C-alpha atoms as a PDB file:
ATOM      1  CA  MET A   1     107.229  40.724 263.061  1.00  0.00           C
ATOM      2  CA  SER A   2     109.077  43.194 261.344  1.00  0.00           C
ATOM      3  CA  GLN A   3     108.156  44.415 257.644  1.00  0.00           C
ATOM      4  CA  PRO A   4     110.834  42.979 254.925  1.00  0.00           C
ATOM      5  CA  PHE A   5     112.005  46.232 253.894  1.00  0.00           C
ATOM      6  CA  PRO A   6     114.969  46.257 251.765  1.00  0.00           C
ATOM      7  CA  ARG A   7     118.331  46.823 253.032  1.00  0.00           C
ATOM      8  CA  PRO A   8     120.467  48.754 253.503  1.00  0.00           C
ATOM      9  CA  PHE A   9     118.213  51.427 254.842  1.00  0.00           C
ATOM     10  CA  LYS A  10     119.096  54.922 253.706  1.00  0.00           C
ATOM     11  CA  GLY A  11     118.032  58.514 253.176  1.00  0.00           C
ATOM     12  CA  VAL A  12     116.353  60.664 255.677  1.00  0.00           C
ATOM     13  CA  PHE A  13     114.576  58.880 259.118  1.00  0.00           C
ATOM     14  CA  PRO A  14     113.359  61.764 260.982  1.00  0.00           C
ATOM     15  CA  VAL A  15     112.785  61.487 264.696  1.00  0.00           C
ATOM     16  CA  VAL A  16     109.120  61.488 265.581  1.00  0.00           C
ATOM     17  CA  PRO A  17     108.141  63.865 268.553  1.00  0.00           C
ATOM     18  CA  THR A  18     105.800  62.747 271.229  1.00  0.00           C
ATOM     19  CA  THR A  19     102.731  64.865 271.317  1.00  0.00           C
ATOM     20  CA  PHE A  20     101.254  65.672 274.629  1.00  0.00           C
ATOM     21  CA  THR A  21      97.992  67.460 275.622  1.00  0.00           C
ATOM     22  CA  ALA A  22      98.344  70.880 277.244  1.00  0.00           C
ATOM     23  CA  GLU A  23      97.443  69.118 280.541  1.00  0.00           C
ATOM     24  CA  GLY A  24     100.725  66.669 279.689  1.00  0.00           C
ATOM     25  CA  GLY A  25      98.565  63.481 278.772  1.00  0.00           C
ATOM     26  CA  LEU A  26      99.756  61.598 275.839  1.00  0.00           C
ATOM     27  CA  ASP A  27      97.804  62.818 272.630  1.00  0.00           C
ATOM     28  CA  LEU A  28      97.404  59.964 270.295  1.00  0.00           C
ATOM     29  CA  ASP A  29      95.146  61.380 267.760  1.00  0.00           C
ATOM     30  CA  SER A  30      97.732  64.051 267.427  1.00  0.00           C
ATOM     31  CA  GLN A  31     100.281  61.679 267.537  1.00  0.00           C
ATOM     32  CA  LYS A  32      98.879  59.583 264.047  1.00  0.00           C
ATOM     33  CA  ARG A  33      98.465  62.947 262.568  1.00  0.00           C
ATOM     34  CA  CYS A  34     102.210  63.675 263.345  1.00  0.00           C
ATOM     35  CA  VAL A  35     103.223  60.356 261.789  1.00  0.00           C
ATOM     36  CA  ASP A  36     101.117  61.067 258.441  1.00  0.00           C
ATOM     37  CA  PHE A  37     102.432  64.444 257.957  1.00  0.00           C
ATOM     38  CA  MET A  38     106.209  63.096 258.361  1.00  0.00           C
ATOM     39  CA  ILE A  39     105.498  60.391 255.838  1.00  0.00           C
ATOM     40  CA  ASP A  40     103.637  62.792 253.468  1.00  0.00           C
ATOM     41  CA  ALA A  41     106.771  65.228 253.864  1.00  0.00           C
ATOM     42  CA  GLY A  42     109.070  62.225 252.333  1.00  0.00           C
ATOM     43  CA  SER A  43     110.365  60.618 255.359  1.00  0.00           C
ATOM     44  CA  ASN A  44     112.229  57.422 254.457  1.00  0.00           C
ATOM     45  CA  GLY A  45     111.356  55.785 257.511  1.00  0.00           C
ATOM     46  CA  LEU A  46     110.629  57.137 261.291  1.00  0.00           C
ATOM     47  CA  CYS A  47     112.277  56.970 264.508  1.00  0.00           C
ATOM     48  CA  ILE A  48     110.463  56.879 267.828  1.00  0.00           C
ATOM     49  CA  LEU A  49     111.126  57.330 271.588  1.00  0.00           C
ATOM     50  CA  ALA A  50     114.264  59.129 270.845  1.00  0.00           C
ATOM     51  CA  ASN A  51     115.966  61.932 272.934  1.00  0.00           C
ATOM     52  CA  PHE A  52     114.062  64.164 270.560  1.00  0.00           C
ATOM     53  CA  SER A  53     110.674  62.206 271.214  1.00  0.00           C
ATOM     54  CA  GLU A  54     111.253  63.357 274.931  1.00  0.00           C
ATOM     55  CA  GLN A  55     111.567  59.832 275.743  1.00  0.00           C
ATOM     56  CA  PHE A  56     113.037  60.953 279.418  1.00  0.00           C
ATOM     57  CA  VAL A  57     109.425  62.073 280.666  1.00  0.00           C
ATOM     58  CA  LEU A  58     107.758  58.616 279.469  1.00  0.00           C
ATOM     59  CA  GLY A  59     107.050  56.040 281.843  1.00  0.00           C
ATOM     60  CA  ASP A  60     107.487  52.432 281.043  1.00  0.00           C
ATOM     61  CA  ASP A  61     103.576  51.932 280.120  1.00  0.00           C
ATOM     62  CA  GLU A  62     103.574  55.061 277.899  1.00  0.00           C
ATOM     63  CA  ARG A  63     106.559  53.653 275.666  1.00  0.00           C
ATOM     64  CA  GLU A  64     104.770  50.518 275.346  1.00  0.00           C
ATOM     65  CA  VAL A  65     101.299  52.286 274.249  1.00  0.00           C
ATOM     66  CA  LEU A  66     103.364  54.722 271.815  1.00  0.00           C
ATOM     67  CA  THR A  67     105.132  52.020 270.197  1.00  0.00           C
ATOM     68  CA  ARG A  68     102.175  49.829 269.434  1.00  0.00           C
ATOM     69  CA  SER A  69      99.681  52.767 268.394  1.00  0.00           C
ATOM     70  CA  ILE A  70     102.267  54.082 266.182  1.00  0.00           C
ATOM     71  CA  LEU A  71     103.780  51.067 264.292  1.00  0.00           C
ATOM     72  CA  GLU A  72      99.901  49.856 264.064  1.00  0.00           C
ATOM     73  CA  HIS A  73      99.198  53.463 262.525  1.00  0.00           C
ATOM     74  CA  VAL A  74     102.227  53.257 260.476  1.00  0.00           C
ATOM     75  CA  ALA A  75     101.101  50.007 259.122  1.00  0.00           C
ATOM     76  CA  GLY A  76     104.124  48.874 256.849  1.00  0.00           C
ATOM     77  CA  ARG A  77     104.189  52.254 254.928  1.00  0.00           C
ATOM     78  CA  VAL A  78     107.739  53.107 255.790  1.00  0.00           C
ATOM     79  CA  PRO A  79     110.500  51.198 258.139  1.00  0.00           C
ATOM     80  CA  VAL A  80     110.478  52.400 261.913  1.00  0.00           C
ATOM     81  CA  ILE A  81     113.177  52.593 263.961  1.00  0.00           C
ATOM     82  CA  VAL A  82     112.219  51.996 267.928  1.00  0.00           C
ATOM     83  CA  THR A  83     114.986  53.470 270.517  1.00  0.00           C
ATOM     84  CA  THR A  84     115.361  51.115 273.022  1.00  0.00           C
ATOM     85  CA  THR A  85     118.240  52.401 275.559  1.00  0.00           C
ATOM     86  CA  HIS A  86     118.495  51.436 279.140  1.00  0.00           C
ATOM     87  CA  PHE A  87     121.594  50.975 281.304  1.00  0.00           C
ATOM     88  CA  SER A  88     120.264  47.365 282.177  1.00  0.00           C
ATOM     89  CA  SER A  89     121.116  44.907 279.437  1.00  0.00           C
ATOM     90  CA  GLN A  90     118.097  42.584 280.248  1.00  0.00           C
ATOM     91  CA  ILE A  91     115.502  45.416 280.110  1.00  0.00           C
ATOM     92  CA  CYS A  92     117.109  46.867 276.892  1.00  0.00           C
ATOM     93  CA  ILE A  93     116.519  43.060 275.479  1.00  0.00           C
ATOM     94  CA  GLU A  94     113.423  42.955 276.332  1.00  0.00           C
ATOM     95  CA  ARG A  95     112.433  46.528 275.053  1.00  0.00           C
ATOM     96  CA  SER A  96     114.152  45.273 272.123  1.00  0.00           C
ATOM     97  CA  ARG A  97     112.372  42.154 271.649  1.00  0.00           C
ATOM     98  CA  ARG A  98     109.135  43.671 272.069  1.00  0.00           C
ATOM     99  CA  ALA A  99     109.754  46.365 269.484  1.00  0.00           C
ATOM    100  CA  GLN A 100     110.565  43.541 267.090  1.00  0.00           C
ATOM    101  CA  ALA A 101     107.659  41.861 267.606  1.00  0.00           C
ATOM    102  CA  GLN A 102     105.213  44.665 267.198  1.00  0.00           C
ATOM    103  CA  GLY A 103     107.157  45.466 263.512  1.00  0.00           C
ATOM    104  CA  ALA A 104     110.339  47.638 264.266  1.00  0.00           C
ATOM    105  CA  SER A 105     112.609  47.401 261.577  1.00  0.00           C
ATOM    106  CA  MET A 106     115.706  48.200 263.700  1.00  0.00           C
ATOM    107  CA  VAL A 107     116.428  49.661 267.465  1.00  0.00           C
ATOM    108  CA  MET A 108     118.803  52.095 268.207  1.00  0.00           C
ATOM    109  CA  VAL A 109     120.166  51.991 271.692  1.00  0.00           C
ATOM    110  CA  MET A 110     123.009  54.476 273.371  1.00  0.00           C
ATOM    111  CA  PRO A 111     125.687  52.606 275.375  1.00  0.00           C
ATOM    112  CA  PRO A 112     124.814  52.013 279.182  1.00  0.00           C
ATOM    113  CA  TYR A 113     125.297  55.059 281.530  1.00  0.00           C
ATOM    114  CA  HIS A 114     123.057  56.752 283.945  1.00  0.00           C
ATOM    115  CA  GLY A 115     123.379  60.558 285.199  1.00  0.00           C
ATOM    116  CA  ALA A 116     126.787  62.157 284.965  1.00  0.00           C
ATOM    117  CA  THR A 117     128.965  59.523 286.563  1.00  0.00           C
ATOM    118  CA  LEU A 118     127.607  55.726 285.816  1.00  0.00           C
ATOM    119  CA  ARG A 119     129.430  54.280 282.975  1.00  0.00           C
ATOM    120  CA  VAL A 120     130.638  50.969 281.670  1.00  0.00           C
ATOM    121  CA  SER A 121     133.869  49.802 280.689  1.00  0.00           C
ATOM    122  CA  GLU A 122     134.642  48.713 277.181  1.00  0.00           C
ATOM    123  CA  SER A 123     134.398  45.430 277.716  1.00  0.00           C
ATOM    124  CA  GLY A 124     131.245  45.754 279.532  1.00  0.00           C
ATOM    125  CA  ILE A 125     129.828  47.882 276.587  1.00  0.00           C
ATOM    126  CA  TYR A 126     130.978  45.170 273.935  1.00  0.00           C
ATOM    127  CA  GLU A 127     129.082  42.352 276.403  1.00  0.00           C
ATOM    128  CA  PHE A 128     126.127  44.769 276.371  1.00  0.00           C
ATOM    129  CA  TYR A 129     126.052  44.705 272.650  1.00  0.00           C
ATOM    130  CA  ALA A 130     126.787  41.245 272.159  1.00  0.00           C
ATOM    131  CA  ARG A 131     123.828  40.165 274.375  1.00  0.00           C
ATOM    132  CA  LEU A 132     121.332  42.310 272.279  1.00  0.00           C
ATOM    133  CA  SER A 133     123.049  41.405 269.337  1.00  0.00           C
ATOM    134  CA  ASP A 134     122.145  37.721 269.891  1.00  0.00           C
ATOM    135  CA  ALA A 135     118.786  38.330 271.188  1.00  0.00           C
ATOM    136  CA  LEU A 136     117.517  39.960 267.797  1.00  0.00           C
ATOM    137  CA  ASP A 137     116.897  39.356 264.369  1.00  0.00           C
ATOM    138  CA  ILE A 138     116.669  42.977 262.969  1.00  0.00           C
ATOM    139  CA  PRO A 139     119.646  45.323 263.046  1.00  0.00           C
ATOM    140  CA  VAL A 140     120.888  47.710 265.882  1.00  0.00           C
ATOM    141  CA  MET A 141     122.227  50.904 265.526  1.00  0.00           C
ATOM    142  CA  ILE A 142     124.481  52.387 268.204  1.00  0.00           C
ATOM    143  CA  GLN A 143     123.454  55.776 269.096  1.00  0.00           C
ATOM    144  CA  ASP A 144     127.254  57.914 269.636  1.00  0.00           C
ATOM    145  CA  ALA A 145     125.726  60.811 271.516  1.00  0.00           C
ATOM    146  CA  PRO A 146     127.405  63.088 273.702  1.00  0.00           C
ATOM    147  CA  MET A 147     124.430  62.467 276.093  1.00  0.00           C
ATOM    148  CA  ALA A 148     125.765  59.312 277.104  1.00  0.00           C
ATOM    149  CA  GLY A 149     129.034  60.563 277.915  1.00  0.00           C
ATOM    150  CA  THR A 150     130.900  57.452 276.982  1.00  0.00           C
ATOM    151  CA  PRO A 151     133.713  57.258 274.566  1.00  0.00           C
ATOM    152  CA  LEU A 152     133.420  54.958 271.794  1.00  0.00           C
ATOM    153  CA  PRO A 153     136.350  55.077 269.543  1.00  0.00           C
ATOM    154  CA  ALA A 154     135.890  54.145 265.794  1.00  0.00           C
ATOM    155  CA  ALA A 155     138.042  51.434 266.225  1.00  0.00           C
ATOM    156  CA  PHE A 156     135.750  49.837 268.791  1.00  0.00           C
ATOM    157  CA  LEU A 157     132.735  50.458 266.679  1.00  0.00           C
ATOM    158  CA  ALA A 158     134.498  48.820 263.645  1.00  0.00           C
ATOM    159  CA  ARG A 159     135.279  45.961 265.798  1.00  0.00           C
ATOM    160  CA  MET A 160     131.762  45.220 267.049  1.00  0.00           C
ATOM    161  CA  ALA A 161     130.437  45.866 263.479  1.00  0.00           C
ATOM    162  CA  LYS A 162     132.753  42.827 262.193  1.00  0.00           C
ATOM    163  CA  GLU A 163     132.114  40.661 265.097  1.00  0.00           C
ATOM    164  CA  LEU A 164     128.400  40.808 266.510  1.00  0.00           C
ATOM    165  CA  LYS A 165     126.050  40.174 264.059  1.00  0.00           C
ATOM    166  CA  GLN A 166     123.302  42.760 264.366  1.00  0.00           C
ATOM    167  CA  ILE A 167     125.456  45.689 264.854  1.00  0.00           C
ATOM    168  CA  ARG A 168     125.322  47.322 261.565  1.00  0.00           C
ATOM    169  CA  TYR A 169     124.231  51.090 261.786  1.00  0.00           C
ATOM    170  CA  PHE A 170     125.695  54.157 263.603  1.00  0.00           C
ATOM    171  CA  LYS A 171     124.422  57.420 264.193  1.00  0.00           C
ATOM    172  CA  ILE A 172     127.636  59.758 264.910  1.00  0.00           C
ATOM    173  CA  GLU A 173     126.790  62.746 266.692  1.00  0.00           C
ATOM    174  CA  THR A 174     129.978  63.299 268.711  1.00  0.00           C
ATOM    175  CA  ALA A 175     132.344  66.353 267.674  1.00  0.00           C
ATOM    176  CA  GLY A 176     134.371  65.911 264.787  1.00  0.00           C
ATOM    177  CA  ALA A 177     131.428  63.690 263.650  1.00  0.00           C
ATOM    178  CA  ALA A 178     132.725  63.499 259.689  1.00  0.00           C
ATOM    179  CA  SER A 179     136.247  62.584 260.501  1.00  0.00           C
ATOM    180  CA  LYS A 180     134.783  59.761 262.782  1.00  0.00           C
ATOM    181  CA  LEU A 181     132.602  58.268 260.125  1.00  0.00           C
ATOM    182  CA  ARG A 182     135.494  58.519 257.750  1.00  0.00           C
ATOM    183  CA  GLU A 183     137.622  56.391 260.248  1.00  0.00           C
ATOM    184  CA  LEU A 184     134.740  53.949 260.874  1.00  0.00           C
ATOM    185  CA  ILE A 185     134.101  53.267 257.158  1.00  0.00           C
ATOM    186  CA  ALA A 186     137.522  52.839 256.575  1.00  0.00           C
ATOM    187  CA  LEU A 187     138.227  50.152 259.465  1.00  0.00           C
ATOM    188  CA  GLY A 188     134.779  48.652 259.389  1.00  0.00           C
ATOM    189  CA  GLY A 189     134.345  48.107 255.617  1.00  0.00           C
ATOM    190  CA  GLU A 190     131.477  46.232 254.424  1.00  0.00           C
ATOM    191  CA  ALA A 191     130.407  45.649 258.144  1.00  0.00           C
ATOM    192  CA  ILE A 192     129.552  49.018 258.499  1.00  0.00           C
ATOM    193  CA  GLU A 193     126.225  48.827 256.681  1.00  0.00           C
ATOM    194  CA  GLY A 194     124.611  52.278 257.969  1.00  0.00           C
ATOM    195  CA  PRO A 195     126.837  55.069 258.601  1.00  0.00           C
ATOM    196  CA  TRP A 196     124.529  58.065 259.629  1.00  0.00           C
ATOM    197  CA  ASP A 197     124.422  61.455 260.575  1.00  0.00           C
ATOM    198  CA  GLY A 198     122.281  62.992 263.433  1.00  0.00           C
ATOM    199  CA  GLU A 199     122.524  66.216 265.383  1.00  0.00           C
ATOM    200  CA  GLU A 200     119.470  67.912 263.392  1.00  0.00           C
ATOM    201  CA  ALA A 201     121.509  67.716 260.328  1.00  0.00           C
ATOM    202  CA  ILE A 202     123.822  70.676 261.505  1.00  0.00           C
ATOM    203  CA  THR A 203     126.601  68.587 260.032  1.00  0.00           C
ATOM    204  CA  LEU A 204     124.871  66.979 257.154  1.00  0.00           C
ATOM    205  CA  LEU A 205     127.293  68.416 254.205  1.00  0.00           C
ATOM    206  CA  ALA A 206     130.206  67.306 255.977  1.00  0.00           C
ATOM    207  CA  ASP A 207     129.073  64.236 256.807  1.00  0.00           C
ATOM    208  CA  LEU A 208     127.762  62.901 253.607  1.00  0.00           C
ATOM    209  CA  ASP A 209     131.210  64.114 252.069  1.00  0.00           C
ATOM    210  CA  ALA A 210     132.526  61.488 254.738  1.00  0.00           C
ATOM    211  CA  GLY A 211     130.325  58.786 253.461  1.00  0.00           C
ATOM    212  CA  ALA A 212     127.037  59.126 255.433  1.00  0.00           C
ATOM    213  CA  THR A 213     124.226  56.963 254.107  1.00  0.00           C
ATOM    214  CA  GLY A 214     121.399  58.318 256.282  1.00  0.00           C
ATOM    215  CA  ALA A 215     120.338  61.066 258.437  1.00  0.00           C
ATOM    216  CA  MET A 216     118.263  61.000 261.353  1.00  0.00           C
ATOM    217  CA  THR A 217     117.408  64.587 261.936  1.00  0.00           C
ATOM    218  CA  GLY A 218     114.380  66.397 263.619  1.00  0.00           C
ATOM    219  CA  GLY A 219     110.819  65.796 262.465  1.00  0.00           C
ATOM    220  CA  GLY A 220     109.389  69.362 261.406  1.00  0.00           C
ATOM    221  CA  PHE A 221     110.962  69.238 257.798  1.00  0.00           C
ATOM    222  CA  PRO A 222     111.797  66.182 256.262  1.00  0.00           C
ATOM    223  CA  ASP A 223     110.988  67.694 252.862  1.00  0.00           C
ATOM    224  CA  GLY A 224     113.667  70.177 253.181  1.00  0.00           C
ATOM    225  CA  ILE A 225     116.201  67.549 254.301  1.00  0.00           C
ATOM    226  CA  ARG A 226     115.043  65.262 251.440  1.00  0.00           C
ATOM    227  CA  ARG A 227     116.223  68.009 249.189  1.00  0.00           C
ATOM    228  CA  ILE A 228     119.914  67.593 250.319  1.00  0.00           C
ATOM    229  CA  VAL A 229     120.443  64.010 250.771  1.00  0.00           C
ATOM    230  CA  ASP A 230     118.628  62.829 247.619  1.00  0.00           C
ATOM    231  CA  ALA A 231     120.284  65.058 245.401  1.00  0.00           C
ATOM    232  CA  TYR A 232     123.602  64.036 246.778  1.00  0.00           C
ATOM    233  CA  ALA A 233     122.688  60.293 246.601  1.00  0.00           C
ATOM    234  CA  ALA A 234     122.043  60.902 242.673  1.00  0.00           C
ATOM    235  CA  GLY A 235     125.698  62.288 242.420  1.00  0.00           C
ATOM    236  CA  ASP A 236     124.881  66.196 242.381  1.00  0.00           C
ATOM    237  CA  ARG A 237     126.631  67.661 244.892  1.00  0.00           C
ATOM    238  CA  GLU A 238     126.174  71.112 243.662  1.00  0.00           C
ATOM    239  CA  THR A 239     122.900  70.947 243.862  1.00  0.00           C
ATOM    240  CA  ALA A 240     123.169  69.377 247.646  1.00  0.00           C
ATOM    241  CA  VAL A 241     125.586  72.106 248.687  1.00  0.00           C
ATOM    242  CA  ALA A 242     123.097  74.569 247.422  1.00  0.00           C
ATOM    243  CA  GLU A 243     120.238  73.177 248.941  1.00  0.00           C
ATOM    244  CA  TYR A 244     121.970  72.527 252.223  1.00  0.00           C
ATOM    245  CA  GLY A 245     123.043  76.590 252.225  1.00  0.00           C
ATOM    246  CA  ARG A 246     119.302  77.349 251.670  1.00  0.00           C
ATOM    247  CA  TRP A 247     117.934  75.011 254.644  1.00  0.00           C
ATOM    248  CA  LEU A 248     120.839  75.757 257.207  1.00  0.00           C
ATOM    249  CA  PRO A 249     119.022  78.982 258.850  1.00  0.00           C
ATOM    250  CA  LEU A 250     116.271  76.492 259.769  1.00  0.00           C
ATOM    251  CA  ILE A 251     118.454  73.365 260.534  1.00  0.00           C
ATOM    252  CA  ASN A 252     120.646  75.804 262.578  1.00  0.00           C
ATOM    253  CA  TYR A 253     117.465  77.494 264.496  1.00  0.00           C
ATOM    254  CA  GLU A 254     116.453  73.864 265.751  1.00  0.00           C
ATOM    255  CA  ASN A 255     120.017  72.875 266.572  1.00  0.00           C
ATOM    256  CA  ARG A 256     121.032  75.837 268.179  1.00  0.00           C
ATOM    257  CA  GLN A 257     117.920  77.988 269.750  1.00  0.00           C
ATOM    258  CA  GLY A 258     114.476  75.344 269.475  1.00  0.00           C
ATOM    259  CA  GLY A 259     116.085  72.050 269.869  1.00  0.00           C
ATOM    260  CA  ILE A 260     113.669  69.432 270.819  1.00  0.00           C
ATOM    261  CA  LEU A 261     110.619  71.439 270.843  1.00  0.00           C
ATOM    262  CA  THR A 262     111.253  72.545 267.265  1.00  0.00           C
ATOM    263  CA  ALA A 263     108.976  69.882 265.323  1.00  0.00           C
ATOM    264  CA  LYS A 264     106.284  70.443 267.655  1.00  0.00           C
ATOM    265  CA  ALA A 265     105.951  74.253 267.491  1.00  0.00           C
ATOM    266  CA  LEU A 266     106.183  74.015 263.386  1.00  0.00           C
ATOM    267  CA  MET A 267     103.377  71.337 263.446  1.00  0.00           C
ATOM    268  CA  LYS A 268     101.328  73.338 266.131  1.00  0.00           C
ATOM    269  CA  GLU A 269     101.905  76.509 263.957  1.00  0.00           C
ATOM    270  CA  GLY A 270     100.748  74.437 260.694  1.00  0.00           C
ATOM    271  CA  GLY A 271      97.534  72.774 262.605  1.00  0.00           C
ATOM    272  CA  VAL A 272      99.335  69.210 262.528  1.00  0.00           C
ATOM    273  CA  ILE A 273      98.915  68.918 266.250  1.00  0.00           C
ATOM    274  CA  THR A 274      96.931  70.240 268.823  1.00  0.00           C
ATOM    275  CA  SER A 275      99.513  71.311 271.228  1.00  0.00           C
ATOM    276  CA  ASP A 276     103.122  71.831 271.105  1.00  0.00           C
ATOM    277  CA  ALA A 277     103.585  71.517 275.105  1.00  0.00           C
ATOM    278  CA  PRO A 278     106.477  69.599 276.675  1.00  0.00           C
ATOM    279  CA  ARG A 279     106.168  67.889 280.131  1.00  0.00           C
ATOM    280  CA  HIS A 280     106.941  69.653 283.225  1.00  0.00           C
ATOM    281  CA  PRO A 281     109.833  70.503 284.539  1.00  0.00           C
ATOM    282  CA  PHE A 282     111.159  70.622 280.490  1.00  0.00           C
ATOM    283  CA  PRO A 283     110.653  74.461 280.044  1.00  0.00           C
ATOM    284  CA  PRO A 284     108.068  75.584 277.016  1.00  0.00           C
ATOM    285  CA  MET A 285     109.538  77.319 273.940  1.00  0.00           C
ATOM    286  CA  SER A 286     110.031  80.529 274.687  1.00  0.00           C
ATOM    287  CA  ALA A 287     108.038  83.632 272.440  1.00  0.00           C
ATOM    288  CA  PRO A 288     110.825  85.268 270.658  1.00  0.00           C
ATOM    289  CA  VAL A 289     112.295  81.614 270.139  1.00  0.00           C
ATOM    290  CA  ARG A 290     109.125  80.492 268.394  1.00  0.00           C
ATOM    291  CA  ALA A 291     109.125  84.260 266.578  1.00  0.00           C
ATOM    292  CA  GLY A 292     112.289  83.564 265.096  1.00  0.00           C
ATOM    293  CA  LEU A 293     111.988  79.757 264.180  1.00  0.00           C
ATOM    294  CA  LEU A 294     109.237  80.525 262.375  1.00  0.00           C
ATOM    295  CA  ASP A 295     110.263  83.430 260.537  1.00  0.00           C
ATOM    296  CA  ALA A 296     112.904  81.068 259.423  1.00  0.00           C
ATOM    297  CA  ALA A 297     110.560  78.542 258.252  1.00  0.00           C
ATOM    298  CA  ARG A 298     108.020  80.850 256.642  1.00  0.00           C
ATOM    299  CA  ARG A 299     111.033  82.066 254.227  1.00  0.00           C
ATOM    300  CA  LEU A 300     111.351  78.333 253.076  1.00  0.00           C
ATOM    301  CA  ASP A 301     107.725  77.511 253.035  1.00  0.00           C
ATOM    302  CA  PRO A 302     108.282  73.593 254.231  1.00  0.00           C
ATOM    303  CA  LEU A 303     105.404  71.077 254.122  1.00  0.00           C
ATOM    304  CA  VAL A 304     104.556  71.344 257.643  1.00  0.00           C
ATOM    305  CA  LEU A 305     103.102  75.124 257.440  1.00  0.00           C
ATOM    306  CA  ARG A 306     100.753  73.630 254.760  1.00  0.00           C
ATOM    307  CA  TRP A 307      99.748  70.116 255.247  1.00  0.00           C
ATOM    308  CA  ALA A 308      96.663  70.499 257.705  1.00  0.00           C
ATOM    309  CA  ARG A 309      95.515  73.406 255.753  1.00  0.00           C
END
């Protein structure tokens, strides 16, 4: 069962990258070191099997291996969110129940979609999340991301929060995230237990101003993101603004240049993991992008470059 961590969940919950060998197999030794580093770097919690975890190149059997291995290795040190997105309500429920049984504190789920054209009506989305809510004893985070291509108006999200028991957290990554967070909080009130920021923290300061209480970012420099979020939570917005300005070049590099492979590139450079390879056909990071990323990182001296030394 899930660990009894106090709620609401707040702070920095970065996405754990999936570590592969150079030949493309799962590298569980590197995976465990990756998790240890992310906890030591100050992560308030973790999220696994998300898009930034390259979940789209994982087999169902590998998902199970990763969920079990990571939750066992974390061993209750921090809460863990497991991404269980699937088009099928039944399969999403089954994935979510297994994650709950293995110790997940929350599941994160995008609305049902497949490819560029298969979408579900608003009533179908409501029923999807209603069935999921009824099946679980842990909260559900709705991931409102462009990848799903599914409009989720703030009023609709607020309605689900008020009417469905476990629909309590919302990761807003669409354009105009701050305005949507502000509207969601105004419409949903106390039912919005967790209004969260995403998109590698590129809009973090505006989202904190709008009322975001959590940030789900990349996993390469949680220590840097904590400097921003902690200062803001303590009521010191000026320090938060200054820290955001300091870390913004690296945040921007992840969001606009390095993307999904950023955390692994930093972890490989710092000796945390053995290989930063993706799985074919996802392209590896180019040498110029890697050089620019490392230049931006070294100017800030994040723990990832020192942790394994």
